Amino acid sequence: MTQRARGCLLEAVETLVLTLIIFLVIQNFVAQPYQVEQQSMENTLLPNQYVLVDKLTPRFDTYKRGDIVVFTPPGQEPGSTPYIKRVIGLPGDVVDLRNGHVFINGQEISEPYVYPGQVTEPLNGQSHWVVPAGSLFVMGDHRENSSDSRVFGPVPIANVIGRAWLRYWPLNTFEVIATPTYPDLSPIVLPSVPPSGAADFARAA
């Protein structure tokens, strides 16, 4: 092999290694593709669709109510098949299920994304949760076909891989995934000195 050929080969190897490093950095710290495998997010996300999971901005910003997140379910080892669900309750929220509807801090929320004709029922007999600090309460949009926080409880934020922000495949479904707002959920202010002695608490939707 001539010196020129060896030089070209070395350049090709260096380019390949650099490309691989960039790919690994992006996938581990910036964004990662995810294939939807479950039916629990119908009709917002369908099985075999692909979304891009944002892993960067959650490092600087908190998750919002209505975000769709990919996470490792509690009790499962890292690297196991992740779940994809919608954030319903934030740290400190009181979540109640009553007559097929979801209440946050005593107020019913509007959920137009829920699969048509379905209601939200308890799955294991529990219908009341207080979301701990550092955790999220999540549910699928297809409520009758979703194993979620109604089963395994609030999810530690440390288990969350990232926020699904772009559906990119199939191409005819390409769309930035919008986070819904909850204008019907007004701020809740609890008493300044609750019986437990806890600090003041205020939560905006």
N, C-alpha and C. Protein backbone atom coordinates (compact mmCIF):
# COMPACT_ATOMS: atom_id res chain seq x y z
N MET A 1 0.85 -1.20 0.00
CA MET A 1 0.00 0.00 0.00
C MET A 1 0.88 1.24 0.00
N THR A 2 0.58 2.16 -0.89
CA THR A 2 1.38 3.38 -1.00
C THR A 2 1.10 4.28 0.20
N GLN A 3 2.01 5.25 0.40
CA GLN A 3 1.85 6.21 1.49
C GLN A 3 0.58 7.03 1.31
N ARG A 4 0.27 7.38 0.05
CA ARG A 4 -0.94 8.16 -0.22
C ARG A 4 -2.19 7.35 0.13
N ALA A 5 -2.17 6.05 -0.21
CA ALA A 5 -3.32 5.19 0.10
C ALA A 5 -3.50 5.05 1.60
N ARG A 6 -2.35 4.90 2.32
CA ARG A 6 -2.44 4.79 3.77
C ARG A 6 -2.99 6.08 4.38
N GLY A 7 -2.60 7.21 3.80
CA GLY A 7 -3.10 8.50 4.30
C GLY A 7 -4.60 8.62 4.10
N CYS A 8 -5.08 8.20 2.95
CA CYS A 8 -6.53 8.26 2.68
C CYS A 8 -7.29 7.32 3.61
N LEU A 9 -6.72 6.14 3.84
CA LEU A 9 -7.36 5.18 4.73
C LEU A 9 -7.43 5.73 6.15
N LEU A 10 -6.35 6.37 6.61
CA LEU A 10 -6.31 6.95 7.94
C LEU A 10 -7.35 8.06 8.08
N GLU A 11 -7.46 8.89 7.04
CA GLU A 11 -8.48 9.96 7.06
C GLU A 11 -9.88 9.38 7.15
N ALA A 12 -10.14 8.30 6.40
CA ALA A 12 -11.45 7.68 6.43
C ALA A 12 -11.77 7.11 7.81
N VAL A 13 -10.77 6.48 8.44
CA VAL A 13 -10.97 5.93 9.78
C VAL A 13 -11.23 7.04 10.79
N GLU A 14 -10.46 8.14 10.70
CA GLU A 14 -10.64 9.26 11.61
C GLU A 14 -12.03 9.87 11.46
N THR A 15 -12.48 10.00 10.21
CA THR A 15 -13.82 10.55 9.96
C THR A 15 -14.90 9.65 10.53
N LEU A 16 -14.72 8.35 10.35
CA LEU A 16 -15.69 7.38 10.87
C LEU A 16 -15.76 7.43 12.39
N VAL A 17 -14.58 7.46 13.03
CA VAL A 17 -14.55 7.51 14.50
C VAL A 17 -15.18 8.80 15.00
N LEU A 18 -14.86 9.93 14.37
CA LEU A 18 -15.42 11.21 14.78
C LEU A 18 -16.94 11.22 14.62
N THR A 19 -17.41 10.66 13.50
CA THR A 19 -18.86 10.59 13.27
C THR A 19 -19.54 9.74 14.34
N LEU A 20 -18.90 8.63 14.71
CA LEU A 20 -19.46 7.75 15.73
C LEU A 20 -19.51 8.45 17.08
N ILE A 21 -18.47 9.18 17.41
CA ILE A 21 -18.44 9.91 18.68
C ILE A 21 -19.55 10.96 18.73
N ILE A 22 -19.69 11.72 17.64
CA ILE A 22 -20.73 12.74 17.57
C ILE A 22 -22.10 12.10 17.73
N PHE A 23 -22.31 10.97 17.04
CA PHE A 23 -23.60 10.26 17.12
C PHE A 23 -23.90 9.83 18.55
N LEU A 24 -22.90 9.26 19.23
CA LEU A 24 -23.09 8.79 20.60
C LEU A 24 -23.37 9.94 21.55
N VAL A 25 -22.66 11.06 21.36
CA VAL A 25 -22.89 12.23 22.21
C VAL A 25 -24.31 12.76 22.02
N ILE A 26 -24.73 12.87 20.75
CA ILE A 26 -26.08 13.37 20.48
C ILE A 26 -27.13 12.44 21.07
N GLN A 27 -26.96 11.13 20.88
CA GLN A 27 -27.97 10.18 21.35
C GLN A 27 -28.03 10.11 22.87
N ASN A 28 -26.89 10.25 23.52
CA ASN A 28 -26.87 10.13 24.98
C ASN A 28 -27.23 11.42 25.71
N PHE A 29 -26.99 12.57 25.07
CA PHE A 29 -27.16 13.82 25.80
C PHE A 29 -28.10 14.81 25.13
N VAL A 30 -28.43 14.65 23.88
CA VAL A 30 -29.23 15.65 23.18
C VAL A 30 -30.60 15.10 22.77
N ALA A 31 -30.63 14.11 21.91
CA ALA A 31 -31.90 13.58 21.41
C ALA A 31 -31.72 12.13 21.01
N GLN A 32 -32.80 11.37 21.14
CA GLN A 32 -32.73 9.95 20.83
C GLN A 32 -34.03 9.51 20.15
N PRO A 33 -33.93 8.74 19.07
CA PRO A 33 -35.15 8.24 18.43
C PRO A 33 -35.79 7.14 19.28
N TYR A 34 -37.11 7.06 19.23
CA TYR A 34 -37.84 6.06 20.01
C TYR A 34 -39.01 5.55 19.17
N GLN A 35 -39.15 4.24 19.08
CA GLN A 35 -40.28 3.65 18.37
C GLN A 35 -41.39 3.33 19.36
N VAL A 36 -42.58 3.83 19.05
CA VAL A 36 -43.74 3.55 19.90
C VAL A 36 -44.13 2.09 19.69
N GLU A 37 -44.17 1.33 20.76
CA GLU A 37 -44.50 -0.09 20.66
C GLU A 37 -45.85 -0.41 21.30
N GLN A 38 -46.27 0.42 22.25
CA GLN A 38 -47.52 0.13 22.95
C GLN A 38 -48.69 0.87 22.32
N GLN A 39 -49.89 0.47 22.70
CA GLN A 39 -51.12 1.12 22.23
C GLN A 39 -51.63 2.15 23.23
N SER A 40 -50.89 2.36 24.29
CA SER A 40 -51.41 3.16 25.40
C SER A 40 -51.52 4.65 25.09
N MET A 41 -50.89 5.13 24.00
CA MET A 41 -50.97 6.55 23.68
C MET A 41 -51.87 6.84 22.49
N GLU A 42 -52.64 5.85 22.05
CA GLU A 42 -53.60 6.12 20.97
C GLU A 42 -54.63 7.15 21.44
N ASN A 43 -55.11 8.03 20.58
CA ASN A 43 -54.72 8.18 19.18
C ASN A 43 -53.64 9.25 18.97
N THR A 44 -53.04 9.71 20.05
CA THR A 44 -52.00 10.73 19.90
C THR A 44 -50.78 10.15 19.20
N LEU A 45 -50.34 8.99 19.67
CA LEU A 45 -49.23 8.27 19.06
C LEU A 45 -49.66 6.83 18.83
N LEU A 46 -49.36 6.31 17.66
CA LEU A 46 -49.78 4.96 17.31
C LEU A 46 -48.59 4.02 17.28
N PRO A 47 -48.82 2.72 17.48
CA PRO A 47 -47.73 1.75 17.41
C PRO A 47 -46.98 1.85 16.09
N ASN A 48 -45.66 1.69 16.17
CA ASN A 48 -44.74 1.71 15.02
C ASN A 48 -44.44 3.12 14.51
N GLN A 49 -45.00 4.14 15.13
CA GLN A 49 -44.57 5.49 14.81
C GLN A 49 -43.25 5.77 15.55
N TYR A 50 -42.48 6.71 15.01
CA TYR A 50 -41.21 7.08 15.63
C TYR A 50 -41.26 8.52 16.11
N VAL A 51 -40.72 8.73 17.31
CA VAL A 51 -40.64 10.07 17.86
C VAL A 51 -39.20 10.37 18.23
N LEU A 52 -38.87 11.64 18.29
CA LEU A 52 -37.55 12.07 18.74
C LEU A 52 -37.69 12.54 20.18
N VAL A 53 -36.88 11.99 21.04
CA VAL A 53 -36.97 12.28 22.48
C VAL A 53 -35.91 13.31 22.85
N ASP A 54 -36.36 14.43 23.35
CA ASP A 54 -35.48 15.52 23.77
C ASP A 54 -34.89 15.19 25.14
N LYS A 55 -33.57 15.01 25.20
CA LYS A 55 -32.90 14.70 26.46
C LYS A 55 -32.11 15.88 27.00
N LEU A 56 -32.07 16.98 26.22
CA LEU A 56 -31.24 18.11 26.60
C LEU A 56 -31.99 19.15 27.43
N THR A 57 -33.11 19.67 26.90
CA THR A 57 -33.78 20.77 27.60
C THR A 57 -34.31 20.38 28.98
N PRO A 58 -34.71 19.10 29.23
CA PRO A 58 -35.12 18.78 30.60
C PRO A 58 -34.02 18.94 31.64
N ARG A 59 -32.77 19.02 31.18
CA ARG A 59 -31.68 19.26 32.13
C ARG A 59 -31.71 20.68 32.67
N PHE A 60 -32.38 21.58 31.93
CA PHE A 60 -32.41 22.99 32.33
C PHE A 60 -33.82 23.48 32.64
N ASP A 61 -34.83 22.69 32.33
CA ASP A 61 -36.22 23.10 32.52
C ASP A 61 -36.99 21.93 33.12
N THR A 62 -38.04 22.23 33.85
CA THR A 62 -38.84 21.17 34.47
C THR A 62 -39.83 20.60 33.46
N TYR A 63 -40.26 19.37 33.74
CA TYR A 63 -41.33 18.78 32.92
C TYR A 63 -42.64 19.48 33.24
N LYS A 64 -43.48 19.61 32.22
CA LYS A 64 -44.76 20.32 32.35
C LYS A 64 -45.91 19.31 32.32
N ARG A 65 -47.01 19.73 32.94
CA ARG A 65 -48.22 18.93 32.83
C ARG A 65 -48.62 18.84 31.35
N GLY A 66 -48.90 17.63 30.89
CA GLY A 66 -49.26 17.44 29.49
C GLY A 66 -48.11 16.97 28.62
N ASP A 67 -46.87 17.10 29.10
CA ASP A 67 -45.72 16.57 28.34
C ASP A 67 -45.87 15.07 28.14
N ILE A 68 -45.40 14.58 27.02
CA ILE A 68 -45.31 13.14 26.79
C ILE A 68 -43.86 12.74 27.05
N VAL A 69 -43.66 11.79 27.97
CA VAL A 69 -42.31 11.43 28.38
C VAL A 69 -42.06 9.94 28.17
N VAL A 70 -40.79 9.63 27.95
CA VAL A 70 -40.32 8.25 27.84
C VAL A 70 -39.53 7.96 29.11
N PHE A 71 -39.79 6.82 29.74
CA PHE A 71 -39.18 6.56 31.04
C PHE A 71 -39.06 5.06 31.30
N THR A 72 -38.22 4.73 32.26
CA THR A 72 -38.12 3.36 32.75
C THR A 72 -39.12 3.18 33.87
N PRO A 73 -40.05 2.24 33.78
CA PRO A 73 -41.07 2.08 34.82
C PRO A 73 -40.44 1.73 36.17
N PRO A 74 -41.03 2.20 37.26
CA PRO A 74 -40.51 1.83 38.59
C PRO A 74 -40.45 0.31 38.75
N GLY A 75 -39.38 -0.15 39.36
CA GLY A 75 -39.23 -1.57 39.59
C GLY A 75 -38.53 -2.31 38.47
N GLN A 76 -38.28 -1.64 37.34
CA GLN A 76 -37.58 -2.29 36.24
C GLN A 76 -36.16 -1.74 36.12
N GLU A 77 -35.29 -2.58 35.64
CA GLU A 77 -33.88 -2.21 35.53
C GLU A 77 -33.66 -1.25 34.36
N PRO A 78 -32.70 -0.32 34.50
CA PRO A 78 -32.33 0.52 33.36
C PRO A 78 -31.93 -0.34 32.17
N GLY A 79 -32.38 0.05 30.99
CA GLY A 79 -32.11 -0.74 29.80
C GLY A 79 -33.28 -1.62 29.41
N SER A 80 -34.26 -1.78 30.31
CA SER A 80 -35.46 -2.53 29.95
C SER A 80 -36.32 -1.68 29.02
N THR A 81 -37.34 -2.29 28.42
CA THR A 81 -38.17 -1.57 27.47
C THR A 81 -38.84 -0.37 28.14
N PRO A 82 -38.58 0.85 27.66
CA PRO A 82 -39.17 2.02 28.30
C PRO A 82 -40.65 2.17 27.94
N TYR A 83 -41.36 2.94 28.75
CA TYR A 83 -42.75 3.27 28.52
C TYR A 83 -42.84 4.70 28.01
N ILE A 84 -43.96 5.00 27.36
CA ILE A 84 -44.23 6.37 26.93
C ILE A 84 -45.63 6.74 27.40
N LYS A 85 -45.74 7.81 28.18
CA LYS A 85 -47.01 8.25 28.77
C LYS A 85 -47.05 9.77 28.84
N ARG A 86 -48.20 10.28 29.29
CA ARG A 86 -48.37 11.73 29.43
C ARG A 86 -48.29 12.12 30.91
N VAL A 87 -47.62 13.24 31.17
CA VAL A 87 -47.54 13.75 32.54
C VAL A 87 -48.88 14.38 32.92
N ILE A 88 -49.46 13.88 34.01
CA ILE A 88 -50.74 14.40 34.50
C ILE A 88 -50.56 15.14 35.81
N GLY A 89 -49.75 14.58 36.71
CA GLY A 89 -49.52 15.20 38.01
C GLY A 89 -48.07 15.58 38.20
N LEU A 90 -47.84 16.78 38.78
CA LEU A 90 -46.50 17.28 39.05
C LEU A 90 -46.16 17.11 40.53
N PRO A 91 -44.90 17.27 40.90
CA PRO A 91 -44.54 17.12 42.32
C PRO A 91 -45.42 18.01 43.22
N GLY A 92 -45.97 17.41 44.25
CA GLY A 92 -46.83 18.13 45.19
C GLY A 92 -48.30 18.08 44.85
N ASP A 93 -48.65 17.66 43.63
CA ASP A 93 -50.05 17.59 43.23
C ASP A 93 -50.80 16.49 43.97
N VAL A 94 -52.08 16.73 44.18
CA VAL A 94 -52.99 15.70 44.69
C VAL A 94 -53.84 15.24 43.51
N VAL A 95 -53.75 13.97 43.15
CA VAL A 95 -54.45 13.41 42.01
C VAL A 95 -55.58 12.52 42.50
N ASP A 96 -56.80 12.77 42.01
CA ASP A 96 -57.96 11.95 42.37
C ASP A 96 -58.68 11.52 41.10
N LEU A 97 -59.18 10.30 41.11
CA LEU A 97 -60.04 9.80 40.04
C LEU A 97 -61.45 9.66 40.60
N ARG A 98 -62.39 10.38 39.97
CA ARG A 98 -63.77 10.34 40.43
C ARG A 98 -64.72 10.22 39.24
N ASN A 99 -65.55 9.21 39.28
CA ASN A 99 -66.58 9.03 38.26
C ASN A 99 -66.03 9.11 36.83
N GLY A 100 -64.84 8.53 36.65
CA GLY A 100 -64.26 8.48 35.32
C GLY A 100 -63.50 9.72 34.90
N HIS A 101 -63.34 10.68 35.81
CA HIS A 101 -62.65 11.94 35.49
C HIS A 101 -61.43 12.12 36.40
N VAL A 102 -60.51 12.98 35.96
CA VAL A 102 -59.28 13.25 36.70
C VAL A 102 -59.39 14.61 37.37
N PHE A 103 -59.04 14.64 38.65
CA PHE A 103 -59.04 15.87 39.42
C PHE A 103 -57.62 16.12 39.93
N ILE A 104 -57.16 17.36 39.75
CA ILE A 104 -55.85 17.78 40.25
C ILE A 104 -56.08 18.85 41.30
N ASN A 105 -55.62 18.59 42.50
CA ASN A 105 -55.79 19.53 43.60
C ASN A 105 -57.26 19.95 43.76
N GLY A 106 -58.15 18.97 43.57
CA GLY A 106 -59.57 19.21 43.78
C GLY A 106 -60.32 19.75 42.58
N GLN A 107 -59.62 20.02 41.47
CA GLN A 107 -60.27 20.57 40.28
C GLN A 107 -60.23 19.58 39.13
N GLU A 108 -61.36 19.38 38.48
CA GLU A 108 -61.41 18.50 37.31
C GLU A 108 -60.66 19.14 36.15
N ILE A 109 -59.89 18.34 35.42
CA ILE A 109 -59.17 18.86 34.27
C ILE A 109 -59.82 18.35 32.98
N SER A 110 -59.73 19.17 31.94
CA SER A 110 -60.22 18.79 30.61
C SER A 110 -59.11 18.05 29.87
N GLU A 111 -59.44 16.89 29.28
CA GLU A 111 -58.43 16.08 28.61
C GLU A 111 -58.92 15.67 27.22
N PRO A 112 -58.85 16.58 26.26
CA PRO A 112 -59.32 16.27 24.90
C PRO A 112 -58.48 15.22 24.19
N TYR A 113 -57.30 14.91 24.71
CA TYR A 113 -56.41 13.93 24.08
C TYR A 113 -56.77 12.49 24.43
N VAL A 114 -57.65 12.28 25.41
CA VAL A 114 -58.01 10.92 25.80
C VAL A 114 -58.73 10.22 24.66
N TYR A 115 -58.44 8.94 24.49
CA TYR A 115 -59.05 8.13 23.42
C TYR A 115 -60.56 8.29 23.45
N PRO A 116 -61.19 8.53 22.31
CA PRO A 116 -62.63 8.81 22.27
C PRO A 116 -63.47 7.74 22.96
N GLY A 117 -64.42 8.20 23.75
CA GLY A 117 -65.38 7.31 24.39
C GLY A 117 -64.89 6.65 25.66
N GLN A 118 -63.63 6.98 26.08
CA GLN A 118 -63.10 6.33 27.27
C GLN A 118 -63.14 7.25 28.48
N VAL A 119 -63.17 6.62 29.65
CA VAL A 119 -63.10 7.35 30.91
C VAL A 119 -61.90 6.83 31.69
N THR A 120 -61.55 7.53 32.75
CA THR A 120 -60.37 7.17 33.54
C THR A 120 -60.81 6.50 34.83
N GLU A 121 -60.53 5.23 34.95
CA GLU A 121 -60.92 4.47 36.14
C GLU A 121 -59.67 3.96 36.87
N PRO A 122 -59.78 3.75 38.20
CA PRO A 122 -58.67 3.13 38.93
C PRO A 122 -58.42 1.72 38.39
N LEU A 123 -57.15 1.30 38.46
CA LEU A 123 -56.80 -0.03 37.95
C LEU A 123 -56.52 -1.03 39.06
N ASN A 124 -56.24 -0.55 40.26
CA ASN A 124 -55.96 -1.49 41.36
C ASN A 124 -56.71 -1.12 42.63
N GLY A 125 -57.79 -0.35 42.46
CA GLY A 125 -58.59 0.04 43.61
C GLY A 125 -58.21 1.36 44.22
N GLN A 126 -57.02 1.87 43.91
CA GLN A 126 -56.59 3.15 44.46
C GLN A 126 -57.02 4.28 43.55
N SER A 127 -57.56 5.36 44.12
CA SER A 127 -58.04 6.49 43.32
C SER A 127 -57.51 7.82 43.83
N HIS A 128 -56.58 7.81 44.77
CA HIS A 128 -56.06 9.04 45.37
C HIS A 128 -54.55 8.91 45.54
N TRP A 129 -53.82 9.91 45.05
CA TRP A 129 -52.36 9.93 45.17
C TRP A 129 -51.88 11.34 45.51
N VAL A 130 -50.84 11.43 46.27
CA VAL A 130 -50.10 12.68 46.46
C VAL A 130 -48.74 12.47 45.80
N VAL A 131 -48.44 13.27 44.79
CA VAL A 131 -47.21 13.07 44.01
C VAL A 131 -46.02 13.56 44.84
N PRO A 132 -45.07 12.69 45.14
CA PRO A 132 -43.91 13.11 45.96
C PRO A 132 -43.01 14.08 45.21
N ALA A 133 -42.19 14.79 45.97
CA ALA A 133 -41.16 15.63 45.36
C ALA A 133 -40.26 14.76 44.49
N GLY A 134 -39.88 15.28 43.34
CA GLY A 134 -38.98 14.53 42.46
C GLY A 134 -39.66 13.42 41.68
N SER A 135 -41.00 13.47 41.56
CA SER A 135 -41.73 12.42 40.85
C SER A 135 -42.80 13.04 39.95
N LEU A 136 -43.31 12.22 39.02
CA LEU A 136 -44.37 12.63 38.10
C LEU A 136 -45.45 11.54 38.10
N PHE A 137 -46.71 11.97 37.98
CA PHE A 137 -47.81 11.03 37.83
C PHE A 137 -48.17 10.99 36.35
N VAL A 138 -48.08 9.80 35.74
CA VAL A 138 -48.25 9.69 34.29
C VAL A 138 -49.38 8.72 33.95
N MET A 139 -50.03 8.98 32.82
CA MET A 139 -51.05 8.07 32.32
C MET A 139 -51.02 8.07 30.79
N GLY A 140 -51.44 6.95 30.20
CA GLY A 140 -51.57 6.89 28.76
C GLY A 140 -52.86 7.55 28.31
N ASP A 141 -52.90 7.98 27.06
CA ASP A 141 -54.12 8.59 26.51
C ASP A 141 -55.20 7.55 26.26
N HIS A 142 -54.79 6.32 25.99
CA HIS A 142 -55.75 5.22 25.81
C HIS A 142 -55.93 4.59 27.20
N ARG A 143 -56.79 5.20 27.99
CA ARG A 143 -56.86 4.90 29.42
C ARG A 143 -57.24 3.45 29.71
N GLU A 144 -58.03 2.82 28.86
CA GLU A 144 -58.44 1.45 29.12
C GLU A 144 -57.41 0.42 28.64
N ASN A 145 -56.32 0.91 28.06
CA ASN A 145 -55.29 0.01 27.55
C ASN A 145 -53.90 0.54 27.94
N SER A 146 -53.79 0.97 29.21
CA SER A 146 -52.55 1.59 29.64
C SER A 146 -52.19 1.15 31.05
N SER A 147 -50.98 0.63 31.20
CA SER A 147 -50.41 0.37 32.52
C SER A 147 -49.56 1.58 32.88
N ASP A 148 -49.99 2.32 33.89
CA ASP A 148 -49.36 3.61 34.17
C ASP A 148 -49.31 3.86 35.67
N SER A 149 -49.28 5.12 36.09
CA SER A 149 -49.16 5.43 37.51
C SER A 149 -50.34 4.93 38.33
N ARG A 150 -51.43 4.61 37.68
CA ARG A 150 -52.54 3.99 38.41
C ARG A 150 -52.16 2.60 38.89
N VAL A 151 -51.13 2.01 38.27
CA VAL A 151 -50.66 0.66 38.63
C VAL A 151 -49.39 0.75 39.47
N PHE A 152 -48.37 1.47 38.97
CA PHE A 152 -47.06 1.47 39.63
C PHE A 152 -46.76 2.75 40.39
N GLY A 153 -47.73 3.67 40.46
CA GLY A 153 -47.53 4.88 41.23
C GLY A 153 -46.72 5.94 40.50
N PRO A 154 -46.44 7.06 41.17
CA PRO A 154 -45.65 8.13 40.55
C PRO A 154 -44.27 7.63 40.12
N VAL A 155 -43.76 8.23 39.07
CA VAL A 155 -42.47 7.84 38.48
C VAL A 155 -41.39 8.82 38.92
N PRO A 156 -40.30 8.35 39.50
CA PRO A 156 -39.19 9.26 39.83
C PRO A 156 -38.67 9.95 38.57
N ILE A 157 -38.44 11.24 38.68
CA ILE A 157 -37.93 11.98 37.53
C ILE A 157 -36.59 11.41 37.07
N ALA A 158 -35.84 10.81 37.98
CA ALA A 158 -34.57 10.19 37.61
C ALA A 158 -34.76 9.05 36.63
N ASN A 159 -35.96 8.47 36.57
CA ASN A 159 -36.25 7.38 35.63
C ASN A 159 -36.64 7.88 34.25
N VAL A 160 -36.86 9.19 34.11
CA VAL A 160 -37.34 9.74 32.83
C VAL A 160 -36.17 9.94 31.88
N ILE A 161 -36.31 9.38 30.68
CA ILE A 161 -35.26 9.49 29.67
C ILE A 161 -35.31 10.84 28.97
N GLY A 162 -36.52 11.31 28.70
CA GLY A 162 -36.67 12.60 28.03
C GLY A 162 -38.10 12.84 27.61
N ARG A 163 -38.29 13.96 26.93
CA ARG A 163 -39.60 14.43 26.49
C ARG A 163 -39.76 14.18 24.99
N ALA A 164 -40.82 13.50 24.60
CA ALA A 164 -41.10 13.30 23.17
C ALA A 164 -41.56 14.63 22.59
N TRP A 165 -40.83 15.13 21.58
CA TRP A 165 -41.19 16.46 21.06
C TRP A 165 -41.46 16.47 19.55
N LEU A 166 -41.05 15.42 18.85
CA LEU A 166 -41.25 15.41 17.39
C LEU A 166 -41.62 14.01 16.94
N ARG A 167 -42.74 13.89 16.24
CA ARG A 167 -43.08 12.63 15.55
C ARG A 167 -42.58 12.78 14.13
N TYR A 168 -41.71 11.86 13.69
CA TYR A 168 -41.08 12.05 12.38
C TYR A 168 -41.29 10.89 11.41
N TRP A 169 -41.88 9.80 11.86
CA TRP A 169 -42.10 8.68 10.94
C TRP A 169 -43.36 7.94 11.34
N PRO A 170 -44.19 7.55 10.35
CA PRO A 170 -44.10 7.80 8.90
C PRO A 170 -44.13 9.30 8.57
N LEU A 171 -43.60 9.61 7.40
CA LEU A 171 -43.46 11.01 7.03
C LEU A 171 -44.79 11.76 7.01
N ASN A 172 -45.88 11.06 6.68
CA ASN A 172 -47.16 11.76 6.60
C ASN A 172 -47.72 12.10 7.98
N THR A 173 -47.02 11.66 9.05
CA THR A 173 -47.43 12.01 10.41
C THR A 173 -46.46 13.01 11.04
N PHE A 174 -45.51 13.52 10.25
CA PHE A 174 -44.48 14.42 10.78
C PHE A 174 -45.13 15.62 11.47
N GLU A 175 -44.76 15.82 12.75
CA GLU A 175 -45.40 16.90 13.50
C GLU A 175 -44.65 17.13 14.81
N VAL A 176 -44.52 18.40 15.17
CA VAL A 176 -44.03 18.73 16.51
C VAL A 176 -45.15 18.42 17.49
N ILE A 177 -44.82 17.70 18.56
CA ILE A 177 -45.82 17.28 19.53
C ILE A 177 -46.07 18.42 20.50
N ALA A 178 -47.26 18.97 20.45
CA ALA A 178 -47.60 20.12 21.29
C ALA A 178 -47.95 19.66 22.70
N THR A 179 -47.59 20.48 23.68
CA THR A 179 -47.98 20.23 25.06
C THR A 179 -49.28 20.97 25.34
N PRO A 180 -50.33 20.27 25.75
CA PRO A 180 -51.61 20.94 25.98
C PRO A 180 -51.54 21.87 27.19
N THR A 181 -52.45 22.82 27.21
CA THR A 181 -52.58 23.71 28.37
C THR A 181 -53.83 23.32 29.14
N TYR A 182 -53.91 23.79 30.35
CA TYR A 182 -55.04 23.46 31.22
C TYR A 182 -55.62 24.75 31.80
N PRO A 183 -56.29 25.53 30.94
CA PRO A 183 -56.80 26.83 31.41
C PRO A 183 -57.88 26.69 32.48
N ASP A 184 -58.52 25.51 32.54
CA ASP A 184 -59.56 25.30 33.54
C ASP A 184 -58.98 25.00 34.92
N LEU A 185 -57.69 24.77 34.99
CA LEU A 185 -57.05 24.43 36.26
C LEU A 185 -56.40 25.69 36.82
N SER A 186 -57.08 26.33 37.74
CA SER A 186 -56.59 27.58 38.31
C SER A 186 -55.61 27.29 39.43
N PRO A 187 -54.79 28.30 39.81
CA PRO A 187 -53.82 28.07 40.88
C PRO A 187 -54.50 27.65 42.17
N ILE A 188 -53.86 26.74 42.88
CA ILE A 188 -54.35 26.27 44.16
C ILE A 188 -53.40 26.77 45.25
N VAL A 189 -53.94 27.39 46.27
CA VAL A 189 -53.14 27.85 47.39
C VAL A 189 -53.65 27.17 48.65
N LEU A 190 -52.82 26.38 49.29
CA LEU A 190 -53.19 25.71 50.51
C LEU A 190 -52.97 26.63 51.71
N PRO A 191 -53.57 26.32 52.86
CA PRO A 191 -53.37 27.16 54.05
C PRO A 191 -51.90 27.34 54.37
N SER A 192 -51.56 28.53 54.91
CA SER A 192 -50.16 28.84 55.17
C SER A 192 -49.57 27.97 56.26
N VAL A 193 -50.42 27.50 57.19
CA VAL A 193 -49.93 26.62 58.25
C VAL A 193 -50.83 25.40 58.31
N PRO A 194 -50.59 24.42 57.43
CA PRO A 194 -51.42 23.22 57.43
C PRO A 194 -51.20 22.40 58.69
N PRO A 195 -52.11 21.49 59.01
CA PRO A 195 -51.98 20.70 60.24
C PRO A 195 -50.67 19.94 60.33
N SER A 196 -50.11 19.53 59.19
CA SER A 196 -48.87 18.77 59.22
C SER A 196 -47.66 19.60 59.56
N GLY A 197 -47.82 20.93 59.48
CA GLY A 197 -46.68 21.81 59.74
C GLY A 197 -45.82 22.03 58.53
N ALA A 198 -46.28 21.52 57.37
CA ALA A 198 -45.49 21.68 56.16
C ALA A 198 -45.46 23.14 55.73
N ALA A 199 -44.54 23.45 54.86
CA ALA A 199 -44.40 24.83 54.37
C ALA A 199 -45.55 25.18 53.46
N ASP A 200 -45.71 26.50 53.21
CA ASP A 200 -46.75 26.97 52.30
C ASP A 200 -46.59 26.28 50.95
N PHE A 201 -47.72 26.12 50.25
CA PHE A 201 -47.68 25.43 48.97
C PHE A 201 -48.59 26.14 48.00
N ALA A 202 -48.07 26.40 46.81
CA ALA A 202 -48.89 27.00 45.76
C ALA A 202 -48.56 26.30 44.48
N ARG A 203 -49.55 26.01 43.68
CA ARG A 203 -49.32 25.29 42.43
C ARG A 203 -50.11 25.97 41.34
N ALA A 204 -49.43 26.33 40.25
CA ALA A 204 -50.09 26.84 39.06
C ALA A 204 -50.24 25.72 38.07
N ALA A 205 -51.24 25.81 37.24
CA ALA A 205 -51.45 24.76 36.24
C ALA A 205 -50.30 24.75 35.27
